[in-house]
Amino acid sequence: VLLTGWLASQLGWLLDASETENGL
């Protein structure tokens, strides 16, 4: 999850929803 957070923060991604069946 921290690796995901790093990618999201560095690339300007915004979390759409909490977890889905296949991930985020």
PDB file of all heavy atoms in Angstrom:
ATOM      1  N   VAL A   1       0.840  -1.201   0.000  1.00  0.00           N
ATOM      2  CA  VAL A   1       0.000   0.000   0.000  1.00  0.00           C
ATOM      3  C   VAL A   1       0.874   1.250   0.000  1.00  0.00           C
ATOM      4  O   VAL A   1       0.578   2.233  -0.696  1.00  0.00           O
ATOM      5  CB  VAL A   1      -0.985  -0.009   1.190  1.00  0.00           C
ATOM      6  CG1 VAL A   1      -1.684   1.329   1.342  1.00  0.00           C
ATOM      7  CG2 VAL A   1      -2.010  -1.124   1.011  1.00  0.00           C
ATOM      8  N   LEU A   2       1.985   1.243   0.753  1.00  0.00           N
ATOM      9  CA  LEU A   2       2.890   2.396   0.744  1.00  0.00           C
ATOM     10  C   LEU A   2       3.523   2.600  -0.630  1.00  0.00           C
ATOM     11  O   LEU A   2       3.691   3.743  -1.082  1.00  0.00           O
ATOM     12  CB  LEU A   2       3.980   2.241   1.801  1.00  0.00           C
ATOM     13  CG  LEU A   2       3.578   2.584   3.221  1.00  0.00           C
ATOM     14  CD1 LEU A   2       4.703   2.243   4.193  1.00  0.00           C
ATOM     15  CD2 LEU A   2       3.188   4.046   3.346  1.00  0.00           C
ATOM     16  N   LEU A   3       3.871   1.514  -1.314  1.00  0.00           N
ATOM     17  CA  LEU A   3       4.407   1.637  -2.667  1.00  0.00           C
ATOM     18  C   LEU A   3       3.352   2.248  -3.590  1.00  0.00           C
ATOM     19  O   LEU A   3       3.650   3.130  -4.405  1.00  0.00           O
ATOM     20  CB  LEU A   3       4.874   0.277  -3.199  1.00  0.00           C
ATOM     21  CG  LEU A   3       5.513   0.273  -4.587  1.00  0.00           C
ATOM     22  CD1 LEU A   3       6.719   1.216  -4.657  1.00  0.00           C
ATOM     23  CD2 LEU A   3       5.919  -1.147  -4.963  1.00  0.00           C
ATOM     24  N   THR A   4       2.108   1.816  -3.442  1.00  0.00           N
ATOM     25  CA  THR A   4       1.000   2.397  -4.201  1.00  0.00           C
ATOM     26  C   THR A   4       0.861   3.882  -3.882  1.00  0.00           C
ATOM     27  O   THR A   4       0.693   4.707  -4.787  1.00  0.00           O
ATOM     28  CB  THR A   4      -0.314   1.662  -3.864  1.00  0.00           C
ATOM     29  OG1 THR A   4      -0.165   0.274  -4.151  1.00  0.00           O
ATOM     30  CG2 THR A   4      -1.476   2.227  -4.650  1.00  0.00           C
ATOM     31  N   GLY A   5       0.941   4.238  -2.593  1.00  0.00           N
ATOM     32  CA  GLY A   5       0.839   5.634  -2.184  1.00  0.00           C
ATOM     33  C   GLY A   5       1.947   6.483  -2.782  1.00  0.00           C
ATOM     34  O   GLY A   5       1.722   7.633  -3.180  1.00  0.00           O
ATOM     35  N   TRP A   6       3.159   5.922  -2.852  1.00  0.00           N
ATOM     36  CA  TRP A   6       4.278   6.644  -3.455  1.00  0.00           C
ATOM     37  C   TRP A   6       3.992   6.929  -4.931  1.00  0.00           C
ATOM     38  O   TRP A   6       4.160   8.061  -5.393  1.00  0.00           O
ATOM     39  CB  TRP A   6       5.573   5.845  -3.294  1.00  0.00           C
ATOM     40  CG  TRP A   6       6.729   6.435  -4.027  1.00  0.00           C
ATOM     41  CD1 TRP A   6       7.407   7.581  -3.715  1.00  0.00           C
ATOM     42  CD2 TRP A   6       7.345   5.919  -5.209  1.00  0.00           C
ATOM     43  NE1 TRP A   6       8.413   7.804  -4.632  1.00  0.00           N
ATOM     44  CE2 TRP A   6       8.398   6.789  -5.560  1.00  0.00           C
ATOM     45  CE3 TRP A   6       7.119   4.795  -5.989  1.00  0.00           C
ATOM     46  CZ2 TRP A   6       9.209   6.580  -6.663  1.00  0.00           C
ATOM     47  CZ3 TRP A   6       7.923   4.575  -7.094  1.00  0.00           C
ATOM     48  CH2 TRP A   6       8.959   5.462  -7.417  1.00  0.00           C
ATOM     49  N   LEU A   7       3.570   5.898  -5.673  1.00  0.00           N
ATOM     50  CA  LEU A   7       3.244   6.102  -7.087  1.00  0.00           C
ATOM     51  C   LEU A   7       2.149   7.154  -7.240  1.00  0.00           C
ATOM     52  O   LEU A   7       2.268   8.077  -8.054  1.00  0.00           O
ATOM     53  CB  LEU A   7       2.806   4.778  -7.729  1.00  0.00           C
ATOM     54  CG  LEU A   7       3.900   3.748  -7.974  1.00  0.00           C
ATOM     55  CD1 LEU A   7       3.282   2.388  -8.299  1.00  0.00           C
ATOM     56  CD2 LEU A   7       4.832   4.194  -9.079  1.00  0.00           C
ATOM     57  N   ALA A   8       1.096   7.023  -6.443  1.00  0.00           N
ATOM     58  CA  ALA A   8      -0.035   7.953  -6.542  1.00  0.00           C
ATOM     59  C   ALA A   8       0.384   9.387  -6.228  1.00  0.00           C
ATOM     60  O   ALA A   8       0.033  10.319  -6.951  1.00  0.00           O
ATOM     61  CB  ALA A   8      -1.165   7.503  -5.613  1.00  0.00           C
ATOM     62  N   SER A   9       1.153   9.566  -5.171  1.00  0.00           N
ATOM     63  CA  SER A   9       1.539  10.922  -4.785  1.00  0.00           C
ATOM     64  C   SER A   9       2.506  11.545  -5.780  1.00  0.00           C
ATOM     65  O   SER A   9       2.405  12.729  -6.102  1.00  0.00           O
ATOM     66  CB  SER A   9       2.131  10.937  -3.377  1.00  0.00           C
ATOM     67  OG  SER A   9       3.377  10.274  -3.328  1.00  0.00           O
ATOM     68  N   GLN A  10       3.424  10.758  -6.310  1.00  0.00           N
ATOM     69  CA  GLN A  10       4.400  11.287  -7.258  1.00  0.00           C
ATOM     70  C   GLN A  10       3.770  11.598  -8.618  1.00  0.00           C
ATOM     71  O   GLN A  10       4.219  12.497  -9.320  1.00  0.00           O
ATOM     72  CB  GLN A  10       5.562  10.309  -7.439  1.00  0.00           C
ATOM     73  CG  GLN A  10       6.393  10.091  -6.177  1.00  0.00           C
ATOM     74  CD  GLN A  10       6.974  11.378  -5.634  1.00  0.00           C
ATOM     75  OE1 GLN A  10       6.453  11.983  -4.711  1.00  0.00           O
ATOM     76  NE2 GLN A  10       8.058  11.820  -6.223  1.00  0.00           N
ATOM     77  N   LEU A  11       2.743  10.840  -8.989  1.00  0.00           N
ATOM     78  CA  LEU A  11       2.140  10.994 -10.314  1.00  0.00           C
ATOM     79  C   LEU A  11       0.825  11.759 -10.293  1.00  0.00           C
ATOM     80  O   LEU A  11       0.182  11.924 -11.335  1.00  0.00           O
ATOM     81  CB  LEU A  11       1.952   9.611 -10.957  1.00  0.00           C
ATOM     82  CG  LEU A  11       3.263   8.848 -11.178  1.00  0.00           C
ATOM     83  CD1 LEU A  11       2.994   7.432 -11.664  1.00  0.00           C
ATOM     84  CD2 LEU A  11       4.173   9.596 -12.141  1.00  0.00           C
ATOM     85  N   GLY A  12       0.412  12.215  -9.115  1.00  0.00           N
ATOM     86  CA  GLY A  12      -0.799  13.027  -9.010  1.00  0.00           C
ATOM     87  C   GLY A  12      -2.089  12.251  -9.160  1.00  0.00           C
ATOM     88  O   GLY A  12      -3.115  12.805  -9.556  1.00  0.00           O
ATOM     89  N   TRP A  13      -2.075  10.956  -8.819  1.00  0.00           N
ATOM     90  CA  TRP A  13      -3.290  10.161  -8.890  1.00  0.00           C
ATOM     91  C   TRP A  13      -4.134  10.414  -7.651  1.00  0.00           C
ATOM     92  O   TRP A  13      -3.617  10.576  -6.550  1.00  0.00           O
ATOM     93  CB  TRP A  13      -2.976   8.672  -8.938  1.00  0.00           C
ATOM     94  CG  TRP A  13      -2.121   8.207 -10.071  1.00  0.00           C
ATOM     95  CD1 TRP A  13      -1.809   8.881 -11.223  1.00  0.00           C
ATOM     96  CD2 TRP A  13      -1.463   6.947 -10.158  1.00  0.00           C
ATOM     97  NE1 TRP A  13      -1.001   8.110 -12.021  1.00  0.00           N
ATOM     98  CE2 TRP A  13      -0.772   6.916 -11.383  1.00  0.00           C
ATOM     99  CE3 TRP A  13      -1.385   5.854  -9.318  1.00  0.00           C
ATOM    100  CZ2 TRP A  13      -0.018   5.826 -11.782  1.00  0.00           C
ATOM    101  CZ3 TRP A  13      -0.634   4.759  -9.716  1.00  0.00           C
ATOM    102  CH2 TRP A  13       0.033   4.743 -10.943  1.00  0.00           C
ATOM    103  N   LEU A  14      -5.448  10.384  -7.822  1.00  0.00           N
ATOM    104  CA  LEU A  14      -6.377  10.516  -6.710  1.00  0.00           C
ATOM    105  C   LEU A  14      -7.141   9.214  -6.541  1.00  0.00           C
ATOM    106  O   LEU A  14      -7.615   8.632  -7.529  1.00  0.00           O
ATOM    107  CB  LEU A  14      -7.356  11.661  -6.958  1.00  0.00           C
ATOM    108  CG  LEU A  14      -6.724  13.045  -7.083  1.00  0.00           C
ATOM    109  CD1 LEU A  14      -7.776  14.078  -7.459  1.00  0.00           C
ATOM    110  CD2 LEU A  14      -6.016  13.426  -5.799  1.00  0.00           C
ATOM    111  N   LEU A  15      -7.277   8.763  -5.301  1.00  0.00           N
ATOM    112  CA  LEU A  15      -7.996   7.525  -5.002  1.00  0.00           C
ATOM    113  C   LEU A  15      -9.462   7.697  -5.384  1.00  0.00           C
ATOM    114  O   LEU A  15     -10.119   8.632  -4.934  1.00  0.00           O
ATOM    115  CB  LEU A  15      -7.849   7.192  -3.516  1.00  0.00           C
ATOM    116  CG  LEU A  15      -8.351   5.854  -3.035  1.00  0.00           C
ATOM    117  CD1 LEU A  15      -7.603   4.707  -3.719  1.00  0.00           C
ATOM    118  CD2 LEU A  15      -8.183   5.744  -1.521  1.00  0.00           C
ATOM    119  N   ASP A  16      -9.971   6.813  -6.262  1.00  0.00           N
ATOM    120  CA  ASP A  16     -11.363   6.870  -6.709  1.00  0.00           C
ATOM    121  C   ASP A  16     -12.312   6.385  -5.637  1.00  0.00           C
ATOM    122  O   ASP A  16     -13.347   6.972  -5.401  1.00  0.00           O
ATOM    123  CB  ASP A  16     -11.566   5.986  -7.943  1.00  0.00           C
ATOM    124  CG  ASP A  16     -11.440   6.754  -9.231  1.00  0.00           C
ATOM    125  OD1 ASP A  16     -11.315   7.986  -9.184  1.00  0.00           O
ATOM    126  OD2 ASP A  16     -11.454   6.114 -10.289  1.00  0.00           O
ATOM    127  N   ALA A  17     -11.985   5.274  -5.070  1.00  0.00           N
ATOM    128  CA  ALA A  17     -12.840   4.635  -4.070  1.00  0.00           C
ATOM    129  C   ALA A  17     -11.926   3.803  -3.206  1.00  0.00           C
ATOM    130  O   ALA A  17     -10.761   3.612  -3.516  1.00  0.00           O
ATOM    131  CB  ALA A  17     -13.878   3.748  -4.760  1.00  0.00           C
ATOM    132  N   SER A  18     -12.476   3.303  -2.133  1.00  0.00           N
ATOM    133  CA  SER A  18     -11.656   2.388  -1.356  1.00  0.00           C
ATOM    134  C   SER A  18     -11.475   1.115  -2.170  1.00  0.00           C
ATOM    135  O   SER A  18     -11.786   1.076  -3.349  1.00  0.00           O
ATOM    136  CB  SER A  18     -12.282   2.126   0.011  1.00  0.00           C
ATOM    137  OG  SER A  18     -13.583   1.618  -0.146  1.00  0.00           O
ATOM    138  N   GLU A  19     -11.043   0.091  -1.548  1.00  0.00           N
ATOM    139  CA  GLU A  19     -10.668  -1.124  -2.272  1.00  0.00           C
ATOM    140  C   GLU A  19     -11.804  -1.704  -3.099  1.00  0.00           C
ATOM    141  O   GLU A  19     -12.953  -1.658  -2.715  1.00  0.00           O
ATOM    142  CB  GLU A  19     -10.177  -2.168  -1.281  1.00  0.00           C
ATOM    143  CG  GLU A  19      -8.913  -1.737  -0.588  1.00  0.00           C
ATOM    144  CD  GLU A  19      -8.397  -2.776   0.347  1.00  0.00           C
ATOM    145  OE1 GLU A  19      -7.957  -3.829  -0.136  1.00  0.00           O
ATOM    146  OE2 GLU A  19      -8.442  -2.531   1.551  1.00  0.00           O
ATOM    147  N   THR A  20     -11.429  -2.241  -4.264  1.00  0.00           N
ATOM    148  CA  THR A  20     -12.359  -2.983  -5.106  1.00  0.00           C
ATOM    149  C   THR A  20     -11.979  -4.449  -4.991  1.00  0.00           C
ATOM    150  O   THR A  20     -10.994  -4.792  -4.341  1.00  0.00           O
ATOM    151  CB  THR A  20     -12.255  -2.531  -6.584  1.00  0.00           C
ATOM    152  OG1 THR A  20     -10.965  -2.908  -7.077  1.00  0.00           O
ATOM    153  CG2 THR A  20     -12.461  -1.033  -6.717  1.00  0.00           C
ATOM    154  N   GLU A  21     -12.710  -5.295  -5.647  1.00  0.00           N
ATOM    155  CA  GLU A  21     -12.423  -6.733  -5.605  1.00  0.00           C
ATOM    156  C   GLU A  21     -11.024  -7.038  -6.125  1.00  0.00           C
ATOM    157  O   GLU A  21     -10.347  -7.925  -5.643  1.00  0.00           O
ATOM    158  CB  GLU A  21     -13.471  -7.482  -6.435  1.00  0.00           C
ATOM    159  CG  GLU A  21     -13.320  -8.988  -6.374  1.00  0.00           C
ATOM    160  CD  GLU A  21     -14.392  -9.685  -7.172  1.00  0.00           C
ATOM    161  OE1 GLU A  21     -15.573  -9.290  -7.047  1.00  0.00           O
ATOM    162  OE2 GLU A  21     -14.052 -10.616  -7.925  1.00  0.00           O
ATOM    163  N   ASN A  22     -10.568  -6.283  -7.118  1.00  0.00           N
ATOM    164  CA  ASN A  22      -9.268  -6.544  -7.742  1.00  0.00           C
ATOM    165  C   ASN A  22      -8.174  -5.603  -7.274  1.00  0.00           C
ATOM    166  O   ASN A  22      -7.099  -5.592  -7.858  1.00  0.00           O
ATOM    167  CB  ASN A  22      -9.397  -6.459  -9.265  1.00  0.00           C
ATOM    168  CG  ASN A  22     -10.293  -7.534  -9.820  1.00  0.00           C
ATOM    169  OD1 ASN A  22     -10.283  -8.659  -9.342  1.00  0.00           O
ATOM    170  ND2 ASN A  22     -11.087  -7.184 -10.805  1.00  0.00           N
ATOM    171  N   GLY A  23      -8.400  -4.787  -6.283  1.00  0.00           N
ATOM    172  CA  GLY A  23      -7.366  -3.885  -5.808  1.00  0.00           C
ATOM    173  C   GLY A  23      -7.884  -2.484  -5.580  1.00  0.00           C
ATOM    174  O   GLY A  23      -8.897  -2.291  -4.934  1.00  0.00           O
ATOM    175  N   LEU A  24      -7.186  -1.506  -6.169  1.00  0.00           N
ATOM    176  CA  LEU A  24      -7.509  -0.099  -5.971  1.00  0.00           C
ATOM    177  C   LEU A  24      -7.691   0.582  -7.317  1.00  0.00           C
ATOM    178  O   LEU A  24      -7.142   0.140  -8.318  1.00  0.00           O
ATOM    179  CB  LEU A  24      -6.378   0.593  -5.201  1.00  0.00           C
ATOM    180  CG  LEU A  24      -5.972  -0.043  -3.874  1.00  0.00           C
ATOM    181  CD1 LEU A  24      -4.691   0.592  -3.357  1.00  0.00           C
ATOM    182  CD2 LEU A  24      -7.087   0.099  -2.855  1.00  0.00           C
TER     183      LEU A  24
END
